[in-house]
Amino acid sequence: MESPTVLVLIIVVLTVVGAGAMAVAGSAAERHRSRALAAWARRRGWRYDRERPELVDRFDGVPFLERRSNARARHVLCAERRGRRVMVYEYGYTAPHPQHRNRTVAHVYTVAVAALPESVPLLQVEAAGASPAPPPRPVDAHPWVSDQDEFDERFRVATGGDAFAGTVLGEGTRAWLLSRQGPVPFRFAGQYLLSWEQGRLDAERIQERADAVIDLLERIPSGVWEGTQGSLG
């Protein structure tokens, strides 16, 4: 019969070997995914970068962390589409499990970004009741209502500029968002329009995500913009 010490050592060795095998398998799967996305980008005229660390803290507000973290910006795809500079990428990080001290939870989002011709006031639109507890309202922003009951019941809006919010969320755009065609949630901030959704980046939806933010931009009256086309850098 094996001694308890030997049995413990065997369990430890098997655990380490198993963890190593899982890490290798995960790394191989990630390399395969990267190659597939790079091939997708080449076929469609997009630029692909496996990882761009500078994007981790490029943007503020949800879903981005505002403190030092293990967050990563991976599988970054950029293109000029319908005359707009757009970028779609995967943003993810791990955080302590809320109920289990020794476990972590992975948070992964697909982010779509479009450059704006000029800097604009902050405007954020989310589905009302999208989370059990509403996230903190963006700094220097206040609630905005359209006085259209159906829209105000369905969406939570915060802005730093009422006039800009009223222009972007005109009657036609509100009807479009109510039809569930818009890229909710979304946020205008500075020289960018961002939209995000929970889940890994899916190659089959990259262009769909990019087109959604462009569709929103094209609904804004042209008189809002001055200057030249924005840049994602």
C-alpha atoms as a PDB file:
ATOM      1  CA  MET A   1       0.000   0.000   0.000  1.00  0.00           C
ATOM      2  CA  GLU A   2       1.284   3.453  -0.895  1.00  0.00           C
ATOM      3  CA  SER A   3       2.083   5.764   2.024  1.00  0.00           C
ATOM      4  CA  PRO A   4      -0.019   8.935   2.458  1.00  0.00           C
ATOM      5  CA  THR A   5       3.033  11.054   1.591  1.00  0.00           C
ATOM      6  CA  VAL A   6       3.562   9.225  -1.706  1.00  0.00           C
ATOM      7  CA  LEU A   7      -0.117   9.567  -2.568  1.00  0.00           C
ATOM      8  CA  VAL A   8       0.006  13.309  -1.904  1.00  0.00           C
ATOM      9  CA  LEU A   9       3.086  13.650  -4.106  1.00  0.00           C
ATOM     10  CA  ILE A  10       1.369  11.728  -6.907  1.00  0.00           C
ATOM     11  CA  ILE A  11      -1.677  13.997  -6.692  1.00  0.00           C
ATOM     12  CA  VAL A  12       0.507  17.117  -6.772  1.00  0.00           C
ATOM     13  CA  VAL A  13       2.454  15.843  -9.792  1.00  0.00           C
ATOM     14  CA  LEU A  14      -0.722  14.929 -11.661  1.00  0.00           C
ATOM     15  CA  THR A  15      -2.217  18.342 -10.878  1.00  0.00           C
ATOM     16  CA  VAL A  16       0.869  20.166 -12.157  1.00  0.00           C
ATOM     17  CA  VAL A  17       1.029  18.006 -15.286  1.00  0.00           C
ATOM     18  CA  GLY A  18      -2.676  18.538 -15.926  1.00  0.00           C
ATOM     19  CA  ALA A  19      -2.376  22.298 -15.509  1.00  0.00           C
ATOM     20  CA  GLY A  20       0.609  22.348 -17.849  1.00  0.00           C
ATOM     21  CA  ALA A  21      -1.250  20.329 -20.466  1.00  0.00           C
ATOM     22  CA  MET A  22      -4.225  22.674 -20.258  1.00  0.00           C
ATOM     23  CA  ALA A  23      -1.960  25.709 -20.654  1.00  0.00           C
ATOM     24  CA  VAL A  24      -0.288  24.189 -23.711  1.00  0.00           C
ATOM     25  CA  ALA A  25      -3.638  23.275 -25.244  1.00  0.00           C
ATOM     26  CA  GLY A  26      -4.970  26.765 -24.550  1.00  0.00           C
ATOM     27  CA  SER A  27      -1.901  28.372 -26.081  1.00  0.00           C
ATOM     28  CA  ALA A  28      -2.193  26.210 -29.196  1.00  0.00           C
ATOM     29  CA  ALA A  29      -5.873  27.080 -29.567  1.00  0.00           C
ATOM     30  CA  GLU A  30      -5.074  30.785 -29.213  1.00  0.00           C
ATOM     31  CA  ARG A  31      -2.351  30.566 -31.893  1.00  0.00           C
ATOM     32  CA  HIS A  32      -4.779  28.813 -34.225  1.00  0.00           C
ATOM     33  CA  ARG A  33      -7.388  31.503 -33.557  1.00  0.00           C
ATOM     34  CA  SER A  34      -4.840  34.241 -34.234  1.00  0.00           C
ATOM     35  CA  ARG A  35      -3.838  32.687 -37.567  1.00  0.00           C
ATOM     36  CA  ALA A  36      -7.488  32.338 -38.576  1.00  0.00           C
ATOM     37  CA  LEU A  37      -8.239  35.991 -37.762  1.00  0.00           C
ATOM     38  CA  ALA A  38      -5.119  37.159 -39.617  1.00  0.00           C
ATOM     39  CA  ALA A  39      -6.230  35.185 -42.681  1.00  0.00           C
ATOM     40  CA  TRP A  40      -9.739  36.644 -42.380  1.00  0.00           C
ATOM     41  CA  ALA A  41      -8.257  40.149 -42.269  1.00  0.00           C
ATOM     42  CA  ARG A  42      -6.063  39.595 -45.330  1.00  0.00           C
ATOM     43  CA  ARG A  43      -9.020  38.370 -47.377  1.00  0.00           C
ATOM     44  CA  ARG A  44     -11.136  41.398 -46.509  1.00  0.00           C
ATOM     45  CA  GLY A  45      -8.589  44.202 -46.484  1.00  0.00           C
ATOM     46  CA  TRP A  46      -8.389  44.696 -42.714  1.00  0.00           C
ATOM     47  CA  ARG A  47      -5.203  45.079 -40.644  1.00  0.00           C
ATOM     48  CA  TYR A  48      -4.731  42.534 -37.858  1.00  0.00           C
ATOM     49  CA  ASP A  49      -2.602  42.741 -34.694  1.00  0.00           C
ATOM     50  CA  ARG A  50      -2.563  39.878 -32.253  1.00  0.00           C
ATOM     51  CA  GLU A  51      -2.167  42.253 -29.295  1.00  0.00           C
ATOM     52  CA  ARG A  52      -1.902  46.014 -28.745  1.00  0.00           C
ATOM     53  CA  PRO A  53      -1.066  46.806 -25.093  1.00  0.00           C
ATOM     54  CA  GLU A  54      -1.490  50.568 -25.605  1.00  0.00           C
ATOM     55  CA  LEU A  55      -5.233  50.035 -26.103  1.00  0.00           C
ATOM     56  CA  VAL A  56      -5.696  48.692 -22.571  1.00  0.00           C
ATOM     57  CA  ASP A  57      -5.992  52.185 -21.112  1.00  0.00           C
ATOM     58  CA  ARG A  58      -6.813  54.151 -24.267  1.00  0.00           C
ATOM     59  CA  PHE A  59     -10.524  54.502 -23.383  1.00  0.00           C
ATOM     60  CA  ASP A  60     -12.399  55.295 -20.161  1.00  0.00           C
ATOM     61  CA  GLY A  61     -15.695  54.084 -18.724  1.00  0.00           C
ATOM     62  CA  VAL A  62     -17.417  50.705 -18.891  1.00  0.00           C
ATOM     63  CA  PRO A  63     -16.382  48.048 -19.719  1.00  0.00           C
ATOM     64  CA  PHE A  64     -12.786  49.215 -19.173  1.00  0.00           C
ATOM     65  CA  LEU A  65     -11.030  49.020 -15.819  1.00  0.00           C
ATOM     66  CA  GLU A  66      -9.800  52.287 -14.366  1.00  0.00           C
ATOM     67  CA  ARG A  67      -6.962  50.834 -12.310  1.00  0.00           C
ATOM     68  CA  ARG A  68      -3.836  48.784 -12.881  1.00  0.00           C
ATOM     69  CA  SER A  69      -4.903  45.308 -13.893  1.00  0.00           C
ATOM     70  CA  ASN A  70      -4.154  42.244 -15.989  1.00  0.00           C
ATOM     71  CA  ALA A  71      -6.390  43.550 -18.794  1.00  0.00           C
ATOM     72  CA  ARG A  72      -5.356  42.834 -22.380  1.00  0.00           C
ATOM     73  CA  ALA A  73      -6.436  44.160 -25.764  1.00  0.00           C
ATOM     74  CA  ARG A  74      -6.093  41.333 -28.278  1.00  0.00           C
ATOM     75  CA  HIS A  75      -7.139  40.370 -31.797  1.00  0.00           C
ATOM     76  CA  VAL A  76      -7.282  43.975 -32.973  1.00  0.00           C
ATOM     77  CA  LEU A  77      -8.704  44.565 -36.463  1.00  0.00           C
ATOM     78  CA  CYS A  78      -8.658  47.967 -38.169  1.00  0.00           C
ATOM     79  CA  ALA A  79     -10.036  49.155 -41.494  1.00  0.00           C
ATOM     80  CA  GLU A  80     -11.537  52.058 -43.370  1.00  0.00           C
ATOM     81  CA  ARG A  81     -15.114  51.045 -44.040  1.00  0.00           C
ATOM     82  CA  ARG A  82     -17.748  53.122 -45.801  1.00  0.00           C
ATOM     83  CA  GLY A  83     -15.397  56.092 -45.506  1.00  0.00           C
ATOM     84  CA  ARG A  84     -14.975  55.662 -41.720  1.00  0.00           C
ATOM     85  CA  ARG A  85     -11.968  54.508 -39.716  1.00  0.00           C
ATOM     86  CA  VAL A  86     -13.092  51.630 -37.514  1.00  0.00           C
ATOM     87  CA  MET A  87     -11.521  49.155 -35.126  1.00  0.00           C
ATOM     88  CA  VAL A  88     -12.903  45.980 -33.536  1.00  0.00           C
ATOM     89  CA  TYR A  89     -11.024  44.092 -30.829  1.00  0.00           C
ATOM     90  CA  GLU A  90     -11.278  41.863 -27.796  1.00  0.00           C
ATOM     91  CA  TYR A  91     -10.804  43.356 -24.325  1.00  0.00           C
ATOM     92  CA  GLY A  92     -10.507  41.000 -21.378  1.00  0.00           C
ATOM     93  CA  TYR A  93      -9.299  40.659 -17.806  1.00  0.00           C
ATOM     94  CA  THR A  94      -9.651  38.363 -14.810  1.00  0.00           C
ATOM     95  CA  ALA A  95     -11.003  39.445 -11.437  1.00  0.00           C
ATOM     96  CA  PRO A  96     -11.543  37.747  -8.053  1.00  0.00           C
ATOM     97  CA  HIS A  97     -14.623  35.537  -7.893  1.00  0.00           C
ATOM     98  CA  PRO A  98     -17.322  37.289  -5.822  1.00  0.00           C
ATOM     99  CA  GLN A  99     -18.112  34.144  -3.804  1.00  0.00           C
ATOM    100  CA  HIS A 100     -14.939  32.035  -3.920  1.00  0.00           C
ATOM    101  CA  ARG A 101     -11.768  33.593  -2.502  1.00  0.00           C
ATOM    102  CA  ASN A 102      -9.321  31.350  -4.357  1.00  0.00           C
ATOM    103  CA  ARG A 103     -10.991  31.549  -7.768  1.00  0.00           C
ATOM    104  CA  THR A 104     -11.059  34.151 -10.518  1.00  0.00           C
ATOM    105  CA  VAL A 105     -13.597  35.064 -13.167  1.00  0.00           C
ATOM    106  CA  ALA A 106     -12.732  35.967 -16.757  1.00  0.00           C
ATOM    107  CA  HIS A 107     -14.449  39.035 -18.219  1.00  0.00           C
ATOM    108  CA  VAL A 108     -14.279  39.326 -22.003  1.00  0.00           C
ATOM    109  CA  TYR A 109     -15.828  41.942 -24.281  1.00  0.00           C
ATOM    110  CA  THR A 110     -15.891  42.711 -27.983  1.00  0.00           C
ATOM    111  CA  VAL A 111     -15.341  46.432 -28.521  1.00  0.00           C
ATOM    112  CA  ALA A 112     -16.073  48.374 -31.713  1.00  0.00           C
ATOM    113  CA  VAL A 113     -14.643  51.870 -32.160  1.00  0.00           C
ATOM    114  CA  ALA A 114     -15.162  54.527 -34.820  1.00  0.00           C
ATOM    115  CA  ALA A 115     -13.124  57.719 -35.094  1.00  0.00           C
ATOM    116  CA  LEU A 116     -15.028  61.009 -35.070  1.00  0.00           C
ATOM    117  CA  PRO A 117     -14.247  64.089 -37.148  1.00  0.00           C
ATOM    118  CA  GLU A 118     -13.963  66.219 -34.000  1.00  0.00           C
ATOM    119  CA  SER A 119     -14.179  65.970 -30.224  1.00  0.00           C
ATOM    120  CA  VAL A 120     -17.716  65.795 -28.826  1.00  0.00           C
ATOM    121  CA  PRO A 121     -19.343  65.883 -25.372  1.00  0.00           C
ATOM    122  CA  LEU A 122     -19.772  62.604 -23.570  1.00  0.00           C
ATOM    123  CA  LEU A 123     -22.974  60.730 -24.400  1.00  0.00           C
ATOM    124  CA  GLN A 124     -23.643  57.197 -23.168  1.00  0.00           C
ATOM    125  CA  VAL A 125     -26.711  55.086 -23.940  1.00  0.00           C
ATOM    126  CA  GLU A 126     -27.434  51.733 -22.285  1.00  0.00           C
ATOM    127  CA  ALA A 127     -30.456  49.491 -22.043  1.00  0.00           C
ATOM    128  CA  ALA A 128     -32.347  50.223 -18.828  1.00  0.00           C
ATOM    129  CA  GLY A 129     -32.103  47.299 -16.449  1.00  0.00           C
ATOM    130  CA  ALA A 130     -29.178  45.800 -18.385  1.00  0.00           C
ATOM    131  CA  SER A 131     -27.519  44.893 -15.080  1.00  0.00           C
ATOM    132  CA  PRO A 132     -28.888  44.192 -11.572  1.00  0.00           C
ATOM    133  CA  ALA A 133     -27.183  47.330 -10.260  1.00  0.00           C
ATOM    134  CA  PRO A 134     -26.715  50.299 -12.593  1.00  0.00           C
ATOM    135  CA  PRO A 135     -23.011  51.047 -13.200  1.00  0.00           C
ATOM    136  CA  PRO A 136     -21.705  54.405 -11.963  1.00  0.00           C
ATOM    137  CA  ARG A 137     -22.747  57.282 -14.172  1.00  0.00           C
ATOM    138  CA  PRO A 138     -19.833  58.641 -16.238  1.00  0.00           C
ATOM    139  CA  VAL A 139     -17.893  61.437 -14.554  1.00  0.00           C
ATOM    140  CA  ASP A 140     -19.067  64.943 -15.534  1.00  0.00           C
ATOM    141  CA  ALA A 141     -22.295  63.547 -16.983  1.00  0.00           C
ATOM    142  CA  HIS A 142     -25.903  63.811 -15.916  1.00  0.00           C
ATOM    143  CA  PRO A 143     -29.084  61.907 -16.823  1.00  0.00           C
ATOM    144  CA  TRP A 144     -30.886  62.958 -19.992  1.00  0.00           C
ATOM    145  CA  VAL A 145     -34.474  62.181 -20.979  1.00  0.00           C
ATOM    146  CA  SER A 146     -36.119  62.519 -24.362  1.00  0.00           C
ATOM    147  CA  ASP A 147     -39.692  62.968 -23.082  1.00  0.00           C
ATOM    148  CA  GLN A 148     -40.664  59.980 -25.257  1.00  0.00           C
ATOM    149  CA  ASP A 149     -41.978  57.524 -22.691  1.00  0.00           C
ATOM    150  CA  GLU A 150     -41.153  54.340 -24.593  1.00  0.00           C
ATOM    151  CA  PHE A 151     -37.570  55.429 -25.229  1.00  0.00           C
ATOM    152  CA  ASP A 152     -36.976  56.702 -21.694  1.00  0.00           C
ATOM    153  CA  GLU A 153     -38.306  53.439 -20.241  1.00  0.00           C
ATOM    154  CA  ARG A 154     -36.091  51.311 -22.490  1.00  0.00           C
ATOM    155  CA  PHE A 155     -32.827  53.269 -22.311  1.00  0.00           C
ATOM    156  CA  ARG A 156     -30.671  54.966 -19.706  1.00  0.00           C
ATOM    157  CA  VAL A 157     -28.870  58.028 -21.070  1.00  0.00           C
ATOM    158  CA  ALA A 158     -26.091  60.113 -19.512  1.00  0.00           C
ATOM    159  CA  THR A 159     -24.457  63.089 -21.166  1.00  0.00           C
ATOM    160  CA  GLY A 160     -22.177  66.034 -20.652  1.00  0.00           C
ATOM    161  CA  GLY A 161     -23.964  68.081 -23.302  1.00  0.00           C
ATOM    162  CA  ASP A 162     -27.741  68.255 -23.617  1.00  0.00           C
ATOM    163  CA  ALA A 163     -27.658  69.880 -27.053  1.00  0.00           C
ATOM    164  CA  PHE A 164     -25.414  67.155 -28.435  1.00  0.00           C
ATOM    165  CA  ALA A 165     -27.594  64.434 -26.887  1.00  0.00           C
ATOM    166  CA  GLY A 166     -30.710  65.982 -28.391  1.00  0.00           C
ATOM    167  CA  THR A 167     -29.090  66.116 -31.829  1.00  0.00           C
ATOM    168  CA  VAL A 168     -27.773  62.552 -31.782  1.00  0.00           C
ATOM    169  CA  LEU A 169     -30.922  61.122 -30.241  1.00  0.00           C
ATOM    170  CA  GLY A 170     -33.388  62.782 -32.552  1.00  0.00           C
ATOM    171  CA  GLU A 171     -36.761  61.231 -33.298  1.00  0.00           C
ATOM    172  CA  GLY A 172     -35.473  59.096 -36.180  1.00  0.00           C
ATOM    173  CA  THR A 173     -32.524  57.723 -34.197  1.00  0.00           C
ATOM    174  CA  ARG A 174     -34.743  56.950 -31.224  1.00  0.00           C
ATOM    175  CA  ALA A 175     -37.128  54.981 -33.451  1.00  0.00           C
ATOM    176  CA  TRP A 176     -34.159  53.107 -34.917  1.00  0.00           C
ATOM    177  CA  LEU A 177     -32.816  52.228 -31.465  1.00  0.00           C
ATOM    178  CA  LEU A 178     -36.263  51.131 -30.310  1.00  0.00           C
ATOM    179  CA  SER A 179     -36.403  48.742 -33.258  1.00  0.00           C
ATOM    180  CA  ARG A 180     -33.332  47.012 -31.738  1.00  0.00           C
ATOM    181  CA  GLN A 181     -31.166  47.754 -34.761  1.00  0.00           C
ATOM    182  CA  GLY A 182     -28.725  50.096 -33.024  1.00  0.00           C
ATOM    183  CA  PRO A 183     -25.408  49.233 -31.333  1.00  0.00           C
ATOM    184  CA  VAL A 184     -26.598  49.580 -27.725  1.00  0.00           C
ATOM    185  CA  PRO A 185     -24.742  50.115 -25.452  1.00  0.00           C
ATOM    186  CA  PHE A 186     -22.647  52.879 -26.963  1.00  0.00           C
ATOM    187  CA  ARG A 187     -20.687  55.914 -25.832  1.00  0.00           C
ATOM    188  CA  PHE A 188     -19.483  59.049 -27.569  1.00  0.00           C
ATOM    189  CA  ALA A 189     -16.406  60.365 -25.762  1.00  0.00           C
ATOM    190  CA  GLY A 190     -13.819  62.775 -27.102  1.00  0.00           C
ATOM    191  CA  GLN A 191     -13.033  61.810 -30.691  1.00  0.00           C
ATOM    192  CA  TYR A 192     -14.426  58.281 -30.534  1.00  0.00           C
ATOM    193  CA  LEU A 193     -17.681  56.384 -30.656  1.00  0.00           C
ATOM    194  CA  LEU A 194     -17.506  53.053 -28.838  1.00  0.00           C
ATOM    195  CA  SER A 195     -19.889  50.141 -28.592  1.00  0.00           C
ATOM    196  CA  TRP A 196     -19.323  46.925 -26.668  1.00  0.00           C
ATOM    197  CA  GLU A 197     -20.886  43.575 -25.936  1.00  0.00           C
ATOM    198  CA  GLN A 198     -19.976  40.762 -23.601  1.00  0.00           C
ATOM    199  CA  GLY A 199     -18.250  37.780 -25.200  1.00  0.00           C
ATOM    200  CA  ARG A 200     -15.259  36.857 -27.331  1.00  0.00           C
ATOM    201  CA  LEU A 201     -14.638  38.438 -30.692  1.00  0.00           C
ATOM    202  CA  ASP A 202     -16.408  36.425 -33.385  1.00  0.00           C
ATOM    203  CA  ALA A 203     -14.976  36.670 -36.906  1.00  0.00           C
ATOM    204  CA  GLU A 204     -18.427  36.302 -38.433  1.00  0.00           C
ATOM    205  CA  ARG A 205     -19.634  39.433 -36.608  1.00  0.00           C
ATOM    206  CA  ILE A 206     -16.630  41.760 -37.021  1.00  0.00           C
ATOM    207  CA  GLN A 207     -18.068  43.631 -39.988  1.00  0.00           C
ATOM    208  CA  GLU A 208     -21.532  43.614 -38.424  1.00  0.00           C
ATOM    209  CA  ARG A 209     -20.164  45.318 -35.294  1.00  0.00           C
ATOM    210  CA  ALA A 210     -18.254  47.877 -37.378  1.00  0.00           C
ATOM    211  CA  ASP A 211     -21.296  48.601 -39.554  1.00  0.00           C
ATOM    212  CA  ALA A 212     -23.487  49.128 -36.483  1.00  0.00           C
ATOM    213  CA  VAL A 213     -21.403  52.044 -35.194  1.00  0.00           C
ATOM    214  CA  ILE A 214     -21.143  53.471 -38.723  1.00  0.00           C
ATOM    215  CA  ASP A 215     -24.929  53.244 -39.110  1.00  0.00           C
ATOM    216  CA  LEU A 216     -25.288  55.306 -35.941  1.00  0.00           C
ATOM    217  CA  LEU A 217     -22.798  57.906 -37.157  1.00  0.00           C
ATOM    218  CA  GLU A 218     -24.597  58.244 -40.467  1.00  0.00           C
ATOM    219  CA  ARG A 219     -27.808  59.146 -38.648  1.00  0.00           C
ATOM    220  CA  ILE A 220     -26.227  62.243 -37.114  1.00  0.00           C
ATOM    221  CA  PRO A 221     -26.887  65.471 -39.070  1.00  0.00           C
ATOM    222  CA  SER A 222     -23.801  66.385 -41.089  1.00  0.00           C
ATOM    223  CA  GLY A 223     -23.780  69.911 -39.675  1.00  0.00           C
ATOM    224  CA  VAL A 224     -22.576  68.508 -36.333  1.00  0.00           C
ATOM    225  CA  TRP A 225     -19.144  67.736 -37.718  1.00  0.00           C
ATOM    226  CA  GLU A 226     -16.396  70.146 -38.605  1.00  0.00           C
ATOM    227  CA  GLY A 227     -12.809  69.522 -39.678  1.00  0.00           C
ATOM    228  CA  THR A 228     -11.463  66.355 -41.240  1.00  0.00           C
ATOM    229  CA  GLN A 229     -11.854  62.643 -40.732  1.00  0.00           C
ATOM    230  CA  GLY A 230     -10.737  61.367 -37.337  1.00  0.00           C
ATOM    231  CA  SER A 231      -7.958  58.868 -36.781  1.00  0.00           C
ATOM    232  CA  LEU A 232      -7.629  55.782 -34.607  1.00  0.00           C
ATOM    233  CA  GLY A 233      -3.820  56.010 -34.601  1.00  0.00           C
END
